[in-house]
C-alpha cells in the first residue's frame, strides 16, 4: 500500500496492481471480488480523505507543549506571481530566546516543524502543509530577535480560516496561532480591487518573490522611532494608461479608540501620489519614513482611487513604533 498526505496524517490506498490480483482470486471467494472492486477502493479513499479533513479541522483538543514558542502569525491576500489566480501568504515570527538551536557552531541552525491548515468558513479543510524546516543564522538568536518564516498557498477566491502550529518536538516546545475570516479577492475581475498591505524593513525579516521583485516581509509590524516602513500592495482593475491617485496616512491610536474616533482623527502623516496604471494589474512598493513619530500604536491606511471612475479601495494595517 502507498501513503498519501503529510508525515503524521497518511491515507493508505491500494496500488493498481493489487485490485488486479484480487480480481484474479474472485473465483475463490466473493470477498476477493468485493475487495478488488475499483469503486470500493475509491469509496474507501474518499472516506479516508473526508475523515482526515474533519479530524484536522474540528479537533477540539488543545495542543499542549512544555514550553510555549509564542508564534506571531499574519496572513496576506495577494495575486499569484504568474497571474493565474490568488494566493494566501502566511508569515510567522518566533522569539529567538524561546528556541533551542541544533548546535551553537556557526552558522547556528534551528530545526522547526511547521504545519499550516487552511479551511473554509464551514471548517472544511482545503489546503495544508506539513514540513520540517531548517533556519540558519550567523549567531544564536537572543531576546528581541526573531526567527521568521513563511508558507504560501494557491487558492480560489473565497473566505478562509488558517491555523499555524510550530514545534521543536525534541524540546517539547511549540505553539499555535489562528487567523479567521481571511478574504481572498478575485484579482482577474474588471473592477478595482486591492491586495492586503505587506509591511517590512530592508535587511530584516524574509524576502518573498512577487513575480518581478523581492519584497521584504516582517509579520511583527514593529518599527523603531525614525525607521522606514516598506509598504507593498497590488492593485487590479484599473485599465492600463488610466490615471489613479494614492493616499497614505498614519493615524495615532489612543486608548479607548473605536473606529469612529480613528476615522475622525487628523493623520500624523499624509502622503499623496498621482500615477498612471501600467496595466490592469499593478505592483506597488513605497517607503514611508516614520520621521519623529512618538512611540505608540498607529493605523497605516492606503487608499487607491481610479480617476476615471471615481471608485476607490482602502487597506489598513496596524503598526507599533518603539524606542
C-alpha atoms as a PDB file:
ATOM      1  CA  UNK A   1       0.000   0.000   0.000  1.00  0.00           C
ATOM      2  CA  UNK A   2       1.078   3.568  -0.640  1.00  0.00           C
ATOM      3  CA  UNK A   3       0.662   6.513   1.777  1.00  0.00           C
ATOM      4  CA  UNK A   4      -0.748   9.851   0.582  1.00  0.00           C
ATOM      5  CA  UNK A   5      -0.528  13.073   2.572  1.00  0.00           C
ATOM      6  CA  UNK A   6       1.660  14.553   5.281  1.00  0.00           C
ATOM      7  CA  UNK A   7       4.031  12.672   7.534  1.00  0.00           C
ATOM      8  CA  UNK A   8       1.686  12.490  10.538  1.00  0.00           C
ATOM      9  CA  UNK A   9      -1.583  12.065   8.634  1.00  0.00           C
ATOM     10  CA  UNK A  10      -1.348   9.378   5.935  1.00  0.00           C
ATOM     11  CA  UNK A  11      -4.163   7.845   3.937  1.00  0.00           C
ATOM     12  CA  UNK A  12      -3.249   4.412   2.605  1.00  0.00           C
ATOM     13  CA  UNK A  13      -4.656   3.444  -0.803  1.00  0.00           C
ATOM     14  CA  UNK A  14      -4.225   0.288  -2.874  1.00  0.00           C
ATOM     15  CA  UNK A  15      -1.804   0.488  -5.824  1.00  0.00           C
ATOM     16  CA  UNK A  16      -3.127  -0.503  -9.231  1.00  0.00           C
ATOM     17  CA  UNK A  17      -1.521  -3.982  -9.077  1.00  0.00           C
ATOM     18  CA  UNK A  18      -3.453  -5.146  -6.025  1.00  0.00           C
ATOM     19  CA  UNK A  19      -7.002  -4.776  -7.475  1.00  0.00           C
ATOM     20  CA  UNK A  20      -5.879  -6.930 -10.437  1.00  0.00           C
ATOM     21  CA  UNK A  21      -4.520  -9.603  -8.098  1.00  0.00           C
ATOM     22  CA  UNK A  22      -7.703  -9.560  -6.022  1.00  0.00           C
ATOM     23  CA  UNK A  23      -9.857  -9.801  -9.143  1.00  0.00           C
ATOM     24  CA  UNK A  24      -7.932 -12.904 -10.248  1.00  0.00           C
ATOM     25  CA  UNK A  25      -8.930 -14.553  -6.960  1.00  0.00           C
ATOM     26  CA  UNK A  26     -12.622 -13.656  -7.340  1.00  0.00           C
ATOM     27  CA  UNK A  27     -13.482 -17.256  -8.256  1.00  0.00           C
ATOM     28  CA  UNK A  28     -12.281 -18.472  -4.898  1.00  0.00           C
ATOM     29  CA  UNK A  29     -14.499 -16.196  -2.823  1.00  0.00           C
ATOM     30  CA  UNK A  30     -16.841 -13.220  -3.307  1.00  0.00           C
ATOM     31  CA  UNK A  31     -14.782 -11.418  -0.666  1.00  0.00           C
ATOM     32  CA  UNK A  32     -11.906 -11.045  -3.137  1.00  0.00           C
ATOM     33  CA  UNK A  33     -14.305  -9.627  -5.725  1.00  0.00           C
ATOM     34  CA  UNK A  34     -15.607  -7.030  -3.278  1.00  0.00           C
ATOM     35  CA  UNK A  35     -12.116  -6.056  -2.168  1.00  0.00           C
ATOM     36  CA  UNK A  36     -10.899  -5.807  -5.731  1.00  0.00           C
ATOM     37  CA  UNK A  37     -13.668  -3.500  -6.890  1.00  0.00           C
ATOM     38  CA  UNK A  38     -12.197  -0.183  -8.013  1.00  0.00           C
ATOM     39  CA  UNK A  39     -15.364   1.515  -6.798  1.00  0.00           C
ATOM     40  CA  UNK A  40     -14.782   0.044  -3.331  1.00  0.00           C
ATOM     41  CA  UNK A  41     -11.220   1.293  -3.323  1.00  0.00           C
ATOM     42  CA  UNK A  42     -12.304   4.756  -4.458  1.00  0.00           C
ATOM     43  CA  UNK A  43     -15.041   4.893  -1.826  1.00  0.00           C
ATOM     44  CA  UNK A  44     -12.588   3.896   0.885  1.00  0.00           C
ATOM     45  CA  UNK A  45     -10.113   6.534  -0.276  1.00  0.00           C
ATOM     46  CA  UNK A  46     -12.843   9.176  -0.400  1.00  0.00           C
ATOM     47  CA  UNK A  47     -13.995   8.313   3.124  1.00  0.00           C
ATOM     48  CA  UNK A  48     -10.406   8.464   4.315  1.00  0.00           C
ATOM     49  CA  UNK A  49      -9.874  11.937   2.881  1.00  0.00           C
ATOM     50  CA  UNK A  50     -13.138  13.174   4.403  1.00  0.00           C
ATOM     51  CA  UNK A  51     -12.246  11.723   7.799  1.00  0.00           C
ATOM     52  CA  UNK A  52      -8.780  13.260   7.676  1.00  0.00           C
ATOM     53  CA  UNK A  53     -10.180  16.672   6.714  1.00  0.00           C
ATOM     54  CA  UNK A  54     -12.747  16.551   9.512  1.00  0.00           C
ATOM     55  CA  UNK A  55     -10.167  15.473  12.072  1.00  0.00           C
ATOM     56  CA  UNK A  56      -7.758  18.224  11.116  1.00  0.00           C
ATOM     57  CA  UNK A  57     -10.358  20.992  11.223  1.00  0.00           C
ATOM     58  CA  UNK A  58     -12.742  20.029  14.031  1.00  0.00           C
ATOM     59  CA  UNK A  59     -10.382  18.558  16.628  1.00  0.00           C
ATOM     60  CA  UNK A  60     -11.333  20.218  19.929  1.00  0.00           C
ATOM     61  CA  UNK A  61      -8.226  19.131  21.812  1.00  0.00           C
ATOM     62  CA  UNK A  62      -5.814  21.965  22.553  1.00  0.00           C
ATOM     63  CA  UNK A  63      -2.205  21.204  21.731  1.00  0.00           C
ATOM     64  CA  UNK A  64      -0.111  21.050  24.882  1.00  0.00           C
ATOM     65  CA  UNK A  65       3.619  21.807  24.988  1.00  0.00           C
ATOM     66  CA  UNK A  66       6.014  22.027  27.886  1.00  0.00           C
ATOM     67  CA  UNK A  67       7.224  25.400  26.601  1.00  0.00           C
ATOM     68  CA  UNK A  68       5.219  27.865  24.502  1.00  0.00           C
ATOM     69  CA  UNK A  69       7.079  29.190  21.450  1.00  0.00           C
ATOM     70  CA  UNK A  70       4.651  32.151  21.274  1.00  0.00           C
ATOM     71  CA  UNK A  71       4.415  32.411  17.463  1.00  0.00           C
ATOM     72  CA  UNK A  72       3.052  35.567  15.848  1.00  0.00           C
ATOM     73  CA  UNK A  73       1.310  34.980  12.512  1.00  0.00           C
ATOM     74  CA  UNK A  74      -0.044  37.259   9.815  1.00  0.00           C
ATOM     75  CA  UNK A  75      -1.822  36.401   6.551  1.00  0.00           C
ATOM     76  CA  UNK A  76      -1.804  38.367   3.296  1.00  0.00           C
ATOM     77  CA  UNK A  77      -4.200  38.026   0.352  1.00  0.00           C
ATOM     78  CA  UNK A  78      -2.209  38.529  -2.868  1.00  0.00           C
ATOM     79  CA  UNK A  79      -2.324  37.677  -6.537  1.00  0.00           C
ATOM     80  CA  UNK A  80      -0.450  34.650  -7.799  1.00  0.00           C
ATOM     81  CA  UNK A  81       3.007  35.762  -9.104  1.00  0.00           C
ATOM     82  CA  UNK A  82       2.287  34.392 -12.594  1.00  0.00           C
ATOM     83  CA  UNK A  83      -1.170  35.944 -12.707  1.00  0.00           C
ATOM     84  CA  UNK A  84      -3.207  32.729 -12.779  1.00  0.00           C
ATOM     85  CA  UNK A  85      -5.224  33.337  -9.617  1.00  0.00           C
ATOM     86  CA  UNK A  86      -4.880  34.272  -5.964  1.00  0.00           C
ATOM     87  CA  UNK A  87      -2.543  33.200  -3.202  1.00  0.00           C
ATOM     88  CA  UNK A  88      -2.531  33.319   0.555  1.00  0.00           C
ATOM     89  CA  UNK A  89       0.805  34.194   2.129  1.00  0.00           C
ATOM     90  CA  UNK A  90       1.330  33.230   5.767  1.00  0.00           C
ATOM     91  CA  UNK A  91       4.282  34.822   7.564  1.00  0.00           C
ATOM     92  CA  UNK A  92       5.233  33.948  11.133  1.00  0.00           C
ATOM     93  CA  UNK A  93       7.738  35.107  13.736  1.00  0.00           C
ATOM     94  CA  UNK A  94       9.002  33.255  16.825  1.00  0.00           C
ATOM     95  CA  UNK A  95      11.018  34.897  19.632  1.00  0.00           C
ATOM     96  CA  UNK A  96      14.599  33.692  19.326  1.00  0.00           C
ATOM     97  CA  UNK A  97      15.057  33.200  23.066  1.00  0.00           C
ATOM     98  CA  UNK A  98      12.196  30.641  23.048  1.00  0.00           C
ATOM     99  CA  UNK A  99      14.010  28.375  20.577  1.00  0.00           C
ATOM    100  CA  UNK A 100      16.790  25.839  21.051  1.00  0.00           C
ATOM    101  CA  UNK A 101      19.427  25.622  18.284  1.00  0.00           C
ATOM    102  CA  UNK A 102      20.544  22.289  16.883  1.00  0.00           C
ATOM    103  CA  UNK A 103      24.117  23.357  17.665  1.00  0.00           C
ATOM    104  CA  UNK A 104      25.917  26.527  18.727  1.00  0.00           C
ATOM    105  CA  UNK A 105      28.553  26.280  15.988  1.00  0.00           C
ATOM    106  CA  UNK A 106      28.284  28.953  13.286  1.00  0.00           C
ATOM    107  CA  UNK A 107      26.159  29.075  11.287  1.00  0.00           C
ATOM    108  CA  UNK A 108      23.701  28.367  14.083  1.00  0.00           C
ATOM    109  CA  UNK A 109      20.881  26.109  12.879  1.00  0.00           C
ATOM    110  CA  UNK A 110      17.322  25.832  14.179  1.00  0.00           C
ATOM    111  CA  UNK A 111      15.019  22.963  13.248  1.00  0.00           C
ATOM    112  CA  UNK A 112      11.292  23.636  13.334  1.00  0.00           C
ATOM    113  CA  UNK A 113       8.252  21.548  12.490  1.00  0.00           C
ATOM    114  CA  UNK A 114       5.735  23.772  10.701  1.00  0.00           C
ATOM    115  CA  UNK A 115       2.151  22.780   9.998  1.00  0.00           C
ATOM    116  CA  UNK A 116      -0.378  25.139   8.394  1.00  0.00           C
ATOM    117  CA  UNK A 117      -4.040  24.264   7.787  1.00  0.00           C
ATOM    118  CA  UNK A 118      -6.350  26.328   5.572  1.00  0.00           C
ATOM    119  CA  UNK A 119     -10.088  25.790   5.909  1.00  0.00           C
ATOM    120  CA  UNK A 120     -13.307  27.329   4.671  1.00  0.00           C
ATOM    121  CA  UNK A 121     -15.705  29.217   6.926  1.00  0.00           C
ATOM    122  CA  UNK A 122     -17.505  25.909   7.484  1.00  0.00           C
ATOM    123  CA  UNK A 123     -14.241  24.329   8.650  1.00  0.00           C
ATOM    124  CA  UNK A 124     -13.721  22.186   5.565  1.00  0.00           C
ATOM    125  CA  UNK A 125     -10.015  21.593   5.034  1.00  0.00           C
ATOM    126  CA  UNK A 126      -8.977  22.947   1.636  1.00  0.00           C
ATOM    127  CA  UNK A 127      -5.164  23.007   1.845  1.00  0.00           C
ATOM    128  CA  UNK A 128      -2.388  22.180   4.272  1.00  0.00           C
ATOM    129  CA  UNK A 129       1.375  21.945   4.526  1.00  0.00           C
ATOM    130  CA  UNK A 130       3.406  19.869   6.959  1.00  0.00           C
ATOM    131  CA  UNK A 131       7.184  20.041   6.928  1.00  0.00           C
ATOM    132  CA  UNK A 132      10.343  20.294   8.981  1.00  0.00           C
ATOM    133  CA  UNK A 133      12.274  23.476   8.230  1.00  0.00           C
ATOM    134  CA  UNK A 134      15.878  24.384   8.960  1.00  0.00           C
ATOM    135  CA  UNK A 135      16.863  28.008   9.579  1.00  0.00           C
ATOM    136  CA  UNK A 136      20.464  29.212   9.778  1.00  0.00           C
ATOM    137  CA  UNK A 137      21.822  32.362  11.382  1.00  0.00           C
ATOM    138  CA  UNK A 138      25.294  33.761  11.911  1.00  0.00           C
ATOM    139  CA  UNK A 139      24.863  33.555  15.661  1.00  0.00           C
ATOM    140  CA  UNK A 140      22.372  32.308  18.222  1.00  0.00           C
ATOM    141  CA  UNK A 141      19.169  34.332  18.370  1.00  0.00           C
ATOM    142  CA  UNK A 142      18.759  36.400  21.520  1.00  0.00           C
ATOM    143  CA  UNK A 143      15.898  38.139  23.297  1.00  0.00           C
ATOM    144  CA  UNK A 144      14.438  40.748  20.945  1.00  0.00           C
ATOM    145  CA  UNK A 145      15.437  38.770  17.833  1.00  0.00           C
ATOM    146  CA  UNK A 146      13.025  36.572  15.892  1.00  0.00           C
ATOM    147  CA  UNK A 147      13.044  33.562  13.624  1.00  0.00           C
ATOM    148  CA  UNK A 148      10.840  34.470  10.650  1.00  0.00           C
ATOM    149  CA  UNK A 149       9.399  32.107   8.067  1.00  0.00           C
ATOM    150  CA  UNK A 150       6.567  31.872   5.551  1.00  0.00           C
ATOM    151  CA  UNK A 151       4.180  29.439   3.881  1.00  0.00           C
ATOM    152  CA  UNK A 152       2.220  30.051   0.707  1.00  0.00           C
ATOM    153  CA  UNK A 153      -0.985  28.595  -0.754  1.00  0.00           C
ATOM    154  CA  UNK A 154      -2.550  28.993  -4.198  1.00  0.00           C
ATOM    155  CA  UNK A 155      -6.293  29.168  -3.510  1.00  0.00           C
ATOM    156  CA  UNK A 156      -9.551  30.019  -5.255  1.00  0.00           C
ATOM    157  CA  UNK A 157     -11.431  33.195  -4.405  1.00  0.00           C
ATOM    158  CA  UNK A 158     -13.203  32.943  -1.059  1.00  0.00           C
ATOM    159  CA  UNK A 159     -13.043  33.443   2.709  1.00  0.00           C
ATOM    160  CA  UNK A 160     -10.750  31.249   4.777  1.00  0.00           C
ATOM    161  CA  UNK A 161      -9.606  30.396   8.275  1.00  0.00           C
ATOM    162  CA  UNK A 162      -5.998  29.477   8.917  1.00  0.00           C
ATOM    163  CA  UNK A 163      -4.239  27.642  11.723  1.00  0.00           C
ATOM    164  CA  UNK A 164      -0.483  27.540  12.233  1.00  0.00           C
ATOM    165  CA  UNK A 165       1.303  25.070  14.511  1.00  0.00           C
ATOM    166  CA  UNK A 166       5.068  25.244  15.089  1.00  0.00           C
ATOM    167  CA  UNK A 167       7.071  22.885  17.272  1.00  0.00           C
ATOM    168  CA  UNK A 168      10.503  21.722  18.328  1.00  0.00           C
ATOM    169  CA  UNK A 169       9.458  18.197  19.193  1.00  0.00           C
ATOM    170  CA  UNK A 170      12.739  17.202  20.855  1.00  0.00           C
ATOM    171  CA  UNK A 171      12.356  20.108  23.276  1.00  0.00           C
ATOM    172  CA  UNK A 172       8.624  19.535  23.850  1.00  0.00           C
ATOM    173  CA  UNK A 173       8.189  23.149  22.763  1.00  0.00           C
ATOM    174  CA  UNK A 174       5.572  24.523  20.427  1.00  0.00           C
ATOM    175  CA  UNK A 175       2.765  26.945  19.865  1.00  0.00           C
ATOM    176  CA  UNK A 176      -0.118  27.776  17.587  1.00  0.00           C
ATOM    177  CA  UNK A 177      -1.908  30.757  16.093  1.00  0.00           C
ATOM    178  CA  UNK A 178      -5.293  31.066  14.404  1.00  0.00           C
ATOM    179  CA  UNK A 179      -6.421  33.627  11.827  1.00  0.00           C
ATOM    180  CA  UNK A 180     -10.047  33.856  10.749  1.00  0.00           C
ATOM    181  CA  UNK A 181     -12.185  35.497   8.054  1.00  0.00           C
ATOM    182  CA  UNK A 182      -9.346  35.996   5.564  1.00  0.00           C
ATOM    183  CA  UNK A 183     -10.844  37.300   2.303  1.00  0.00           C
ATOM    184  CA  UNK A 184      -9.121  36.346  -0.939  1.00  0.00           C
ATOM    185  CA  UNK A 185     -10.446  38.598  -3.752  1.00  0.00           C
ATOM    186  CA  UNK A 186     -10.669  37.878  -7.465  1.00  0.00           C
ATOM    187  CA  UNK A 187      -7.891  39.991  -8.966  1.00  0.00           C
ATOM    188  CA  UNK A 188      -8.894  38.985 -12.505  1.00  0.00           C
ATOM    189  CA  UNK A 189     -12.288  40.690 -12.496  1.00  0.00           C
ATOM    190  CA  UNK A 190     -12.538  44.028 -14.365  1.00  0.00           C
ATOM    191  CA  UNK A 191     -13.174  46.111 -11.260  1.00  0.00           C
ATOM    192  CA  UNK A 192     -10.936  47.921  -8.809  1.00  0.00           C
ATOM    193  CA  UNK A 193      -9.510  45.601  -6.168  1.00  0.00           C
ATOM    194  CA  UNK A 194      -6.561  45.816  -3.814  1.00  0.00           C
ATOM    195  CA  UNK A 195      -4.394  43.285  -2.014  1.00  0.00           C
ATOM    196  CA  UNK A 196      -3.517  43.334   1.651  1.00  0.00           C
ATOM    197  CA  UNK A 197      -0.656  45.573   2.757  1.00  0.00           C
ATOM    198  CA  UNK A 198       2.627  43.699   3.141  1.00  0.00           C
ATOM    199  CA  UNK A 199       4.921  45.582   5.517  1.00  0.00           C
ATOM    200  CA  UNK A 200       8.606  45.072   6.108  1.00  0.00           C
ATOM    201  CA  UNK A 201      12.012  46.613   6.680  1.00  0.00           C
ATOM    202  CA  UNK A 202      15.053  46.375   4.459  1.00  0.00           C
ATOM    203  CA  UNK A 203      17.557  43.907   5.875  1.00  0.00           C
ATOM    204  CA  UNK A 204      15.114  42.337   8.342  1.00  0.00           C
ATOM    205  CA  UNK A 205      12.532  39.578   8.098  1.00  0.00           C
ATOM    206  CA  UNK A 206      12.355  37.497   4.941  1.00  0.00           C
ATOM    207  CA  UNK A 207      12.002  38.145   1.220  1.00  0.00           C
ATOM    208  CA  UNK A 208       9.159  36.896  -0.968  1.00  0.00           C
ATOM    209  CA  UNK A 209       9.027  36.987  -4.767  1.00  0.00           C
ATOM    210  CA  UNK A 210       6.057  38.716  -6.401  1.00  0.00           C
ATOM    211  CA  UNK A 211       6.856  37.652  -9.956  1.00  0.00           C
ATOM    212  CA  UNK A 212       9.138  40.612 -10.568  1.00  0.00           C
ATOM    213  CA  UNK A 213      10.800  41.813  -7.365  1.00  0.00           C
ATOM    214  CA  UNK A 214      11.820  40.541  -3.936  1.00  0.00           C
ATOM    215  CA  UNK A 215       9.643  42.028  -1.197  1.00  0.00           C
ATOM    216  CA  UNK A 216      10.693  42.266   2.489  1.00  0.00           C
ATOM    217  CA  UNK A 217       8.120  40.820   4.904  1.00  0.00           C
ATOM    218  CA  UNK A 218       8.075  41.302   8.677  1.00  0.00           C
ATOM    219  CA  UNK A 219       4.893  39.973  10.339  1.00  0.00           C
ATOM    220  CA  UNK A 220       5.658  41.793  13.596  1.00  0.00           C
ATOM    221  CA  UNK A 221       4.802  45.236  12.130  1.00  0.00           C
ATOM    222  CA  UNK A 222       7.076  46.811  14.770  1.00  0.00           C
ATOM    223  CA  UNK A 223       9.471  49.648  13.931  1.00  0.00           C
ATOM    224  CA  UNK A 224      11.901  51.811  15.918  1.00  0.00           C
ATOM    225  CA  UNK A 225      11.462  55.573  16.034  1.00  0.00           C
ATOM    226  CA  UNK A 226      12.732  57.147  12.812  1.00  0.00           C
ATOM    227  CA  UNK A 227      12.639  53.914  10.796  1.00  0.00           C
ATOM    228  CA  UNK A 228      11.307  53.482   7.276  1.00  0.00           C
ATOM    229  CA  UNK A 229       8.388  51.160   6.613  1.00  0.00           C
ATOM    230  CA  UNK A 230       8.490  49.227   3.360  1.00  0.00           C
ATOM    231  CA  UNK A 231       4.904  49.027   2.044  1.00  0.00           C
ATOM    232  CA  UNK A 232       3.935  46.644  -0.761  1.00  0.00           C
ATOM    233  CA  UNK A 233       0.484  46.194  -2.276  1.00  0.00           C
ATOM    234  CA  UNK A 234      -1.157  45.154  -5.520  1.00  0.00           C
ATOM    235  CA  UNK A 235      -3.869  46.984  -7.456  1.00  0.00           C
ATOM    236  CA  UNK A 236      -6.084  45.382 -10.090  1.00  0.00           C
ATOM    237  CA  UNK A 237      -8.950  46.558 -12.274  1.00  0.00           C
ATOM    238  CA  UNK A 238      -7.593  49.929 -13.469  1.00  0.00           C
ATOM    239  CA  UNK A 239      -7.169  49.999 -17.232  1.00  0.00           C
ATOM    240  CA  UNK A 240      -3.627  50.493 -18.483  1.00  0.00           C
ATOM    241  CA  UNK A 241      -2.889  54.161 -19.149  1.00  0.00           C
ATOM    242  CA  UNK A 242      -5.596  55.372 -16.739  1.00  0.00           C
ATOM    243  CA  UNK A 243      -4.551  57.926 -14.078  1.00  0.00           C
ATOM    244  CA  UNK A 244      -5.054  56.966 -10.443  1.00  0.00           C
ATOM    245  CA  UNK A 245      -4.206  58.533  -7.094  1.00  0.00           C
ATOM    246  CA  UNK A 246      -2.832  57.037  -3.897  1.00  0.00           C
ATOM    247  CA  UNK A 247      -3.065  58.458  -0.385  1.00  0.00           C
ATOM    248  CA  UNK A 248      -1.091  57.007   2.524  1.00  0.00           C
ATOM    249  CA  UNK A 249      -1.878  58.071   6.084  1.00  0.00           C
ATOM    250  CA  UNK A 250      -0.596  57.261   9.559  1.00  0.00           C
ATOM    251  CA  UNK A 251      -3.049  57.921  12.388  1.00  0.00           C
ATOM    252  CA  UNK A 252      -2.222  57.578  16.092  1.00  0.00           C
ATOM    253  CA  UNK A 253      -4.288  55.031  18.040  1.00  0.00           C
ATOM    254  CA  UNK A 254      -5.206  56.115  21.560  1.00  0.00           C
ATOM    255  CA  UNK A 255      -6.575  54.100  24.475  1.00  0.00           C
ATOM    256  CA  UNK A 256     -10.308  53.562  24.189  1.00  0.00           C
ATOM    257  CA  UNK A 257     -10.460  54.382  20.490  1.00  0.00           C
ATOM    258  CA  UNK A 258     -13.217  52.936  18.348  1.00  0.00           C
ATOM    259  CA  UNK A 259     -13.335  53.043  14.546  1.00  0.00           C
ATOM    260  CA  UNK A 260     -15.341  56.273  14.531  1.00  0.00           C
ATOM    261  CA  UNK A 261     -12.703  58.027  16.646  1.00  0.00           C
ATOM    262  CA  UNK A 262      -9.918  56.816  14.362  1.00  0.00           C
ATOM    263  CA  UNK A 263     -11.750  57.909  11.217  1.00  0.00           C
ATOM    264  CA  UNK A 264     -12.258  61.399  12.632  1.00  0.00           C
ATOM    265  CA  UNK A 265      -8.698  61.954  13.855  1.00  0.00           C
ATOM    266  CA  UNK A 266      -6.266  64.120  11.897  1.00  0.00           C
ATOM    267  CA  UNK A 267      -3.461  61.953  10.464  1.00  0.00           C
ATOM    268  CA  UNK A 268       0.075  62.458  11.766  1.00  0.00           C
ATOM    269  CA  UNK A 269       1.482  61.755   8.294  1.00  0.00           C
ATOM    270  CA  UNK A 270      -0.198  62.068   4.880  1.00  0.00           C
ATOM    271  CA  UNK A 271       1.458  61.229   1.559  1.00  0.00           C
ATOM    272  CA  UNK A 272      -0.220  61.625  -1.844  1.00  0.00           C
ATOM    273  CA  UNK A 273       0.767  60.341  -5.280  1.00  0.00           C
ATOM    274  CA  UNK A 274      -0.660  60.694  -8.800  1.00  0.00           C
ATOM    275  CA  UNK A 275       0.290  57.983 -11.274  1.00  0.00           C
ATOM    276  CA  UNK A 276      -0.765  56.182 -14.435  1.00  0.00           C
ATOM    277  CA  UNK A 277      -1.659  52.496 -14.285  1.00  0.00           C
ATOM    278  CA  UNK A 278       0.822  50.305 -16.149  1.00  0.00           C
ATOM    279  CA  UNK A 279      -1.739  47.582 -16.884  1.00  0.00           C
ATOM    280  CA  UNK A 280      -4.903  46.092 -15.398  1.00  0.00           C
ATOM    281  CA  UNK A 281      -2.612  44.786 -12.640  1.00  0.00           C
ATOM    282  CA  UNK A 282      -0.022  46.952 -10.887  1.00  0.00           C
ATOM    283  CA  UNK A 283       2.542  46.071  -8.206  1.00  0.00           C
ATOM    284  CA  UNK A 284       3.426  48.993  -5.943  1.00  0.00           C
ATOM    285  CA  UNK A 285       6.275  49.484  -3.467  1.00  0.00           C
ATOM    286  CA  UNK A 286       6.575  52.510  -1.181  1.00  0.00           C
ATOM    287  CA  UNK A 287       8.905  53.664   1.566  1.00  0.00           C
ATOM    288  CA  UNK A 288       7.223  55.546   4.406  1.00  0.00           C
ATOM    289  CA  UNK A 289       9.564  57.488   6.688  1.00  0.00           C
ATOM    290  CA  UNK A 290       8.230  57.480  10.250  1.00  0.00           C
ATOM    291  CA  UNK A 291      10.202  60.632  10.987  1.00  0.00           C
ATOM    292  CA  UNK A 292       9.676  61.896  14.520  1.00  0.00           C
ATOM    293  CA  UNK A 293       6.542  59.893  15.312  1.00  0.00           C
ATOM    294  CA  UNK A 294       6.351  59.162  19.023  1.00  0.00           C
ATOM    295  CA  UNK A 295       6.313  55.579  20.300  1.00  0.00           C
ATOM    296  CA  UNK A 296       2.849  54.056  20.184  1.00  0.00           C
ATOM    297  CA  UNK A 297       0.303  52.288  18.001  1.00  0.00           C
ATOM    298  CA  UNK A 298      -0.612  53.697  14.583  1.00  0.00           C
ATOM    299  CA  UNK A 299      -3.092  52.836  11.854  1.00  0.00           C
ATOM    300  CA  UNK A 300      -1.492  52.795   8.409  1.00  0.00           C
ATOM    301  CA  UNK A 301      -4.020  53.476   5.634  1.00  0.00           C
ATOM    302  CA  UNK A 302      -3.523  53.187   1.899  1.00  0.00           C
ATOM    303  CA  UNK A 303      -6.335  54.391  -0.376  1.00  0.00           C
ATOM    304  CA  UNK A 304      -6.256  53.984  -4.167  1.00  0.00           C
ATOM    305  CA  UNK A 305      -8.719  55.902  -6.383  1.00  0.00           C
ATOM    306  CA  UNK A 306      -9.413  55.305 -10.070  1.00  0.00           C
ATOM    307  CA  UNK A 307      -9.504  58.839 -11.506  1.00  0.00           C
ATOM    308  CA  UNK A 308     -11.674  57.761 -14.447  1.00  0.00           C
ATOM    309  CA  UNK A 309     -14.486  56.132 -12.467  1.00  0.00           C
ATOM    310  CA  UNK A 310     -14.005  57.724  -9.050  1.00  0.00           C
ATOM    311  CA  UNK A 311     -14.022  54.257  -7.463  1.00  0.00           C
ATOM    312  CA  UNK A 312     -11.672  53.782  -4.517  1.00  0.00           C
ATOM    313  CA  UNK A 313     -10.407  50.966  -2.320  1.00  0.00           C
ATOM    314  CA  UNK A 314      -8.602  51.138   1.018  1.00  0.00           C
ATOM    315  CA  UNK A 315      -6.496  48.731   3.038  1.00  0.00           C
ATOM    316  CA  UNK A 316      -5.344  49.260   6.627  1.00  0.00           C
ATOM    317  CA  UNK A 317      -2.656  47.802   8.857  1.00  0.00           C
ATOM    318  CA  UNK A 318      -1.660  48.492  12.454  1.00  0.00           C
ATOM    319  CA  UNK A 319       1.975  49.144  13.328  1.00  0.00           C
ATOM    320  CA  UNK A 320       3.843  49.758  16.568  1.00  0.00           C
ATOM    321  CA  UNK A 321       6.558  52.406  16.890  1.00  0.00           C
ATOM    322  CA  UNK A 322       9.006  51.641  19.699  1.00  0.00           C
ATOM    323  CA  UNK A 323      12.028  53.292  21.295  1.00  0.00           C
END
